[in-house]
Amino acid sequence: MGRIMKSKLVSFTLLSFILASATFAASKNNIKNFTGKTIQGKQIMLSDFKGKVVLLDFWASWCYPCRKEMPQLVKLYRKHKKDGFIIIGVNIDDHSENMKKFLNKLFPQPDFPIVWDSDKKIPAEFDIMSMPTTIVFDKTGKERFRHNGFELSYIKDYEKEIQTLKKEK
């Protein structure tokens, strides 16, 4: 292969990499939205909470880490809800009875919106690959933090992230 051909190939490869990187970065910064119905029957959209820090939690009753996480999220929400903070739970159980049975055993019960999404359309919108997955959005609706799985130590991370985002204008 000639020197000029190699140079063009390297330039093309480099340009392709730069464009792919820019496209990936742009897609990560796009503000996503969804519409869902809470278990109380209220229609909500993620964009309804613009101006608040939002923690969006994807979970299922069959998921052991999710069952450990939910009581911690209830405490976190009660601590910060007066400060412009909201949690939205998105449950992906196939049968709503499983979700309700799990929630009814919790004390205290979640007082934040929970959407039941048996079709799993909302997780697909956010590229969710595992349960639980927790996404924290800033006040503009931009995704800022993402956590896969759950460990008790994540609550400290959530606290720091919430504090950081609440201070932003």
C-alpha atoms as a PDB file:
ATOM      1  CA  MET A   1       0.000   0.000   0.000  1.00  0.00           C
ATOM      2  CA  GLY A   2       1.387   3.386  -0.935  1.00  0.00           C
ATOM      3  CA  ARG A   3       2.323   6.087   1.523  1.00  0.00           C
ATOM      4  CA  ILE A   4      -0.491   8.395   0.395  1.00  0.00           C
ATOM      5  CA  MET A   5      -3.047   5.578   0.648  1.00  0.00           C
ATOM      6  CA  LYS A   6      -1.876   4.735   4.200  1.00  0.00           C
ATOM      7  CA  SER A   7      -2.079   8.396   5.178  1.00  0.00           C
ATOM      8  CA  LYS A   8      -5.657   8.635   3.841  1.00  0.00           C
ATOM      9  CA  LEU A   9      -6.617   5.420   5.641  1.00  0.00           C
ATOM     10  CA  VAL A  10      -5.196   6.706   8.945  1.00  0.00           C
ATOM     11  CA  SER A  11      -6.950  10.059   8.458  1.00  0.00           C
ATOM     12  CA  PHE A  12     -10.255   8.350   7.657  1.00  0.00           C
ATOM     13  CA  THR A  13      -9.943   6.036  10.674  1.00  0.00           C
ATOM     14  CA  LEU A  14      -9.129   8.973  12.959  1.00  0.00           C
ATOM     15  CA  LEU A  15     -12.021  11.032  11.601  1.00  0.00           C
ATOM     16  CA  SER A  16     -14.420   8.092  12.031  1.00  0.00           C
ATOM     17  CA  PHE A  17     -13.306   7.674  15.640  1.00  0.00           C
ATOM     18  CA  ILE A  18     -13.769  11.390  16.391  1.00  0.00           C
ATOM     19  CA  LEU A  19     -17.248  11.453  14.831  1.00  0.00           C
ATOM     20  CA  ALA A  20     -18.296   8.291  16.667  1.00  0.00           C
ATOM     21  CA  SER A  21     -17.042   9.738  19.963  1.00  0.00           C
ATOM     22  CA  ALA A  22     -18.889  13.006  19.402  1.00  0.00           C
ATOM     23  CA  THR A  23     -22.093  11.158  18.517  1.00  0.00           C
ATOM     24  CA  PHE A  24     -21.816   9.023  21.666  1.00  0.00           C
ATOM     25  CA  ALA A  25     -21.161  12.093  23.834  1.00  0.00           C
ATOM     26  CA  ALA A  26     -24.108  13.944  22.306  1.00  0.00           C
ATOM     27  CA  SER A  27     -26.446  11.012  22.864  1.00  0.00           C
ATOM     28  CA  LYS A  28     -25.416  10.817  26.539  1.00  0.00           C
ATOM     29  CA  ASN A  29     -26.317  14.504  26.979  1.00  0.00           C
ATOM     30  CA  ASN A  30     -29.712  14.346  25.297  1.00  0.00           C
ATOM     31  CA  ILE A  31     -32.471  14.920  27.792  1.00  0.00           C
ATOM     32  CA  LYS A  32     -34.722  11.879  27.822  1.00  0.00           C
ATOM     33  CA  ASN A  33     -38.333  11.748  28.867  1.00  0.00           C
ATOM     34  CA  PHE A  34     -41.003   9.151  29.461  1.00  0.00           C
ATOM     35  CA  THR A  35     -44.667   8.980  30.247  1.00  0.00           C
ATOM     36  CA  GLY A  36     -45.974   6.414  32.698  1.00  0.00           C
ATOM     37  CA  LYS A  37     -48.881   5.739  34.993  1.00  0.00           C
ATOM     38  CA  THR A  38     -48.251   5.506  38.722  1.00  0.00           C
ATOM     39  CA  ILE A  39     -49.731   2.676  40.748  1.00  0.00           C
ATOM     40  CA  GLN A  40     -52.263   5.235  42.005  1.00  0.00           C
ATOM     41  CA  GLY A  41     -53.356   5.820  38.390  1.00  0.00           C
ATOM     42  CA  LYS A  42     -51.770   9.256  37.874  1.00  0.00           C
ATOM     43  CA  GLN A  43     -50.085   9.952  34.526  1.00  0.00           C
ATOM     44  CA  ILE A  44     -46.576  11.404  35.005  1.00  0.00           C
ATOM     45  CA  MET A  45     -43.687  12.431  32.805  1.00  0.00           C
ATOM     46  CA  LEU A  46     -40.072  12.812  33.810  1.00  0.00           C
ATOM     47  CA  SER A  47     -40.242  16.366  32.449  1.00  0.00           C
ATOM     48  CA  ASP A  48     -42.967  17.157  35.032  1.00  0.00           C
ATOM     49  CA  PHE A  49     -40.162  17.382  37.583  1.00  0.00           C
ATOM     50  CA  LYS A  50     -37.926  19.875  35.781  1.00  0.00           C
ATOM     51  CA  GLY A  51     -36.393  22.174  38.382  1.00  0.00           C
ATOM     52  CA  LYS A  52     -35.942  19.291  40.832  1.00  0.00           C
ATOM     53  CA  VAL A  53     -33.165  16.798  41.325  1.00  0.00           C
ATOM     54  CA  VAL A  54     -34.630  13.448  40.246  1.00  0.00           C
ATOM     55  CA  LEU A  55     -33.505   9.969  41.193  1.00  0.00           C
ATOM     56  CA  LEU A  56     -35.017   7.472  38.763  1.00  0.00           C
ATOM     57  CA  ASP A  57     -34.841   3.919  40.090  1.00  0.00           C
ATOM     58  CA  PHE A  58     -35.516   0.834  37.961  1.00  0.00           C
ATOM     59  CA  TRP A  59     -36.407  -2.185  40.090  1.00  0.00           C
ATOM     60  CA  ALA A  60     -38.317  -5.464  40.347  1.00  0.00           C
ATOM     61  CA  SER A  61     -39.711  -7.390  43.311  1.00  0.00           C
ATOM     62  CA  TRP A  62     -37.782 -10.541  42.303  1.00  0.00           C
ATOM     63  CA  CYS A  63     -34.465  -8.639  42.462  1.00  0.00           C
ATOM     64  CA  TYR A  64     -32.697  -9.183  45.790  1.00  0.00           C
ATOM     65  CA  PRO A  65     -30.565  -5.993  45.624  1.00  0.00           C
ATOM     66  CA  CYS A  66     -33.736  -4.045  44.721  1.00  0.00           C
ATOM     67  CA  ARG A  67     -35.439  -5.331  47.861  1.00  0.00           C
ATOM     68  CA  LYS A  68     -32.475  -4.137  49.928  1.00  0.00           C
ATOM     69  CA  GLU A  69     -32.413  -0.784  48.162  1.00  0.00           C
ATOM     70  CA  MET A  70     -36.083   0.220  48.405  1.00  0.00           C
ATOM     71  CA  PRO A  71     -36.225   0.862  52.195  1.00  0.00           C
ATOM     72  CA  GLN A  72     -33.070   2.971  51.854  1.00  0.00           C
ATOM     73  CA  LEU A  73     -34.647   4.988  49.054  1.00  0.00           C
ATOM     74  CA  VAL A  74     -37.702   5.643  51.220  1.00  0.00           C
ATOM     75  CA  LYS A  75     -35.430   7.074  53.947  1.00  0.00           C
ATOM     76  CA  LEU A  76     -33.463   9.105  51.390  1.00  0.00           C
ATOM     77  CA  TYR A  77     -36.622  10.565  49.910  1.00  0.00           C
ATOM     78  CA  ARG A  78     -38.091  11.504  53.274  1.00  0.00           C
ATOM     79  CA  LYS A  79     -34.851  13.246  54.189  1.00  0.00           C
ATOM     80  CA  HIS A  80     -34.639  15.371  51.005  1.00  0.00           C
ATOM     81  CA  LYS A  81     -38.170  15.728  49.596  1.00  0.00           C
ATOM     82  CA  LYS A  82     -38.655  19.234  51.008  1.00  0.00           C
ATOM     83  CA  ASP A  83     -35.484  20.403  49.235  1.00  0.00           C
ATOM     84  CA  GLY A  84     -36.573  20.041  45.606  1.00  0.00           C
ATOM     85  CA  PHE A  85     -35.837  16.323  45.319  1.00  0.00           C
ATOM     86  CA  ILE A  86     -37.982  13.536  43.928  1.00  0.00           C
ATOM     87  CA  ILE A  87     -37.607   9.811  43.474  1.00  0.00           C
ATOM     88  CA  ILE A  88     -39.506   7.974  40.766  1.00  0.00           C
ATOM     89  CA  GLY A  89     -39.524   4.200  40.916  1.00  0.00           C
ATOM     90  CA  VAL A  90     -40.066   2.207  37.729  1.00  0.00           C
ATOM     91  CA  ASN A  91     -41.087  -1.370  38.425  1.00  0.00           C
ATOM     92  CA  ILE A  92     -40.742  -3.990  35.684  1.00  0.00           C
ATOM     93  CA  ASP A  93     -42.511  -6.966  37.266  1.00  0.00           C
ATOM     94  CA  ASP A  94     -44.592  -8.969  34.810  1.00  0.00           C
ATOM     95  CA  HIS A  95     -47.528  -9.003  37.250  1.00  0.00           C
ATOM     96  CA  SER A  96     -48.537  -5.977  39.311  1.00  0.00           C
ATOM     97  CA  GLU A  97     -49.561  -8.281  42.190  1.00  0.00           C
ATOM     98  CA  ASN A  98     -45.898  -9.143  42.804  1.00  0.00           C
ATOM     99  CA  MET A  99     -44.957  -5.466  43.005  1.00  0.00           C
ATOM    100  CA  LYS A 100     -47.900  -4.631  45.274  1.00  0.00           C
ATOM    101  CA  LYS A 101     -47.208  -7.577  47.566  1.00  0.00           C
ATOM    102  CA  PHE A 102     -43.607  -6.433  48.009  1.00  0.00           C
ATOM    103  CA  LEU A 103     -44.571  -2.782  48.575  1.00  0.00           C
ATOM    104  CA  ASN A 104     -47.280  -3.697  51.088  1.00  0.00           C
ATOM    105  CA  LYS A 105     -44.672  -5.431  53.262  1.00  0.00           C
ATOM    106  CA  LEU A 106     -42.478  -2.326  53.454  1.00  0.00           C
ATOM    107  CA  PHE A 107     -42.608  -0.049  56.450  1.00  0.00           C
ATOM    108  CA  PRO A 108     -42.610   2.777  55.920  1.00  0.00           C
ATOM    109  CA  GLN A 109     -44.060   2.451  52.464  1.00  0.00           C
ATOM    110  CA  PRO A 110     -42.716   4.567  49.603  1.00  0.00           C
ATOM    111  CA  ASP A 111     -44.455   7.923  49.322  1.00  0.00           C
ATOM    112  CA  PHE A 112     -42.825   8.776  46.000  1.00  0.00           C
ATOM    113  CA  PRO A 113     -44.330   7.912  42.592  1.00  0.00           C
ATOM    114  CA  ILE A 114     -43.931   4.337  41.388  1.00  0.00           C
ATOM    115  CA  VAL A 115     -44.678   3.469  37.795  1.00  0.00           C
ATOM    116  CA  TRP A 116     -45.471  -0.120  36.833  1.00  0.00           C
ATOM    117  CA  ASP A 117     -44.008  -0.897  33.397  1.00  0.00           C
ATOM    118  CA  SER A 118     -44.604  -4.575  32.613  1.00  0.00           C
ATOM    119  CA  ASP A 119     -43.862  -3.914  28.923  1.00  0.00           C
ATOM    120  CA  LYS A 120     -40.415  -2.641  29.921  1.00  0.00           C
ATOM    121  CA  LYS A 121     -40.614   0.281  27.501  1.00  0.00           C
ATOM    122  CA  ILE A 122     -39.187   2.840  29.917  1.00  0.00           C
ATOM    123  CA  PRO A 123     -36.030   0.838  30.753  1.00  0.00           C
ATOM    124  CA  ALA A 124     -35.408   0.437  27.014  1.00  0.00           C
ATOM    125  CA  GLU A 125     -35.495   4.237  26.616  1.00  0.00           C
ATOM    126  CA  PHE A 126     -32.699   4.552  29.185  1.00  0.00           C
ATOM    127  CA  ASP A 127     -30.567   1.567  28.087  1.00  0.00           C
ATOM    128  CA  ILE A 128     -31.115  -0.300  31.356  1.00  0.00           C
ATOM    129  CA  MET A 129     -29.251  -3.599  31.423  1.00  0.00           C
ATOM    130  CA  SER A 130     -29.541  -4.694  35.067  1.00  0.00           C
ATOM    131  CA  MET A 131     -31.695  -4.351  38.163  1.00  0.00           C
ATOM    132  CA  PRO A 132     -31.586  -2.154  40.039  1.00  0.00           C
ATOM    133  CA  THR A 133     -30.270   0.733  38.004  1.00  0.00           C
ATOM    134  CA  THR A 134     -30.452   4.192  39.486  1.00  0.00           C
ATOM    135  CA  ILE A 135     -30.061   7.375  37.459  1.00  0.00           C
ATOM    136  CA  VAL A 136     -29.726  10.820  39.017  1.00  0.00           C
ATOM    137  CA  PHE A 137     -30.788  13.819  36.924  1.00  0.00           C
ATOM    138  CA  ASP A 138     -29.958  17.458  37.535  1.00  0.00           C
ATOM    139  CA  LYS A 139     -32.565  20.213  37.673  1.00  0.00           C
ATOM    140  CA  THR A 140     -32.502  20.635  33.885  1.00  0.00           C
ATOM    141  CA  GLY A 141     -33.347  16.961  33.326  1.00  0.00           C
ATOM    142  CA  LYS A 142     -29.852  15.952  32.239  1.00  0.00           C
ATOM    143  CA  GLU A 143     -28.547  12.573  33.379  1.00  0.00           C
ATOM    144  CA  ARG A 144     -25.571  13.153  35.653  1.00  0.00           C
ATOM    145  CA  PHE A 145     -24.988   9.921  37.574  1.00  0.00           C
ATOM    146  CA  ARG A 146     -25.783   6.245  36.976  1.00  0.00           C
ATOM    147  CA  HIS A 147     -25.446   3.276  39.326  1.00  0.00           C
ATOM    148  CA  ASN A 148     -25.904  -0.380  38.428  1.00  0.00           C
ATOM    149  CA  GLY A 149     -26.774  -2.804  41.210  1.00  0.00           C
ATOM    150  CA  PHE A 150     -26.955  -1.804  44.840  1.00  0.00           C
ATOM    151  CA  GLU A 151     -24.653  -1.791  47.819  1.00  0.00           C
ATOM    152  CA  LEU A 152     -25.471  -0.015  51.071  1.00  0.00           C
ATOM    153  CA  SER A 153     -22.484   2.268  50.441  1.00  0.00           C
ATOM    154  CA  TYR A 154     -24.295   3.653  47.363  1.00  0.00           C
ATOM    155  CA  ILE A 155     -26.582   5.649  49.673  1.00  0.00           C
ATOM    156  CA  LYS A 156     -23.589   7.828  50.613  1.00  0.00           C
ATOM    157  CA  ASP A 157     -22.920   8.353  46.907  1.00  0.00           C
ATOM    158  CA  TYR A 158     -26.563   9.293  46.316  1.00  0.00           C
ATOM    159  CA  GLU A 159     -26.367  11.764  49.221  1.00  0.00           C
ATOM    160  CA  LYS A 160     -23.280  13.469  47.752  1.00  0.00           C
ATOM    161  CA  GLU A 161     -24.784  13.593  44.283  1.00  0.00           C
ATOM    162  CA  ILE A 162     -28.070  15.032  45.526  1.00  0.00           C
ATOM    163  CA  GLN A 163     -26.262  17.680  47.572  1.00  0.00           C
ATOM    164  CA  THR A 164     -24.082  18.637  44.615  1.00  0.00           C
ATOM    165  CA  LEU A 165     -27.030  18.913  42.210  1.00  0.00           C
ATOM    166  CA  LYS A 166     -29.280  20.775  44.665  1.00  0.00           C
ATOM    167  CA  LYS A 167     -26.620  23.530  44.883  1.00  0.00           C
ATOM    168  CA  GLU A 168     -26.492  24.008  41.125  1.00  0.00           C
ATOM    169  CA  LYS A 169     -28.657  26.676  39.534  1.00  0.00           C
END
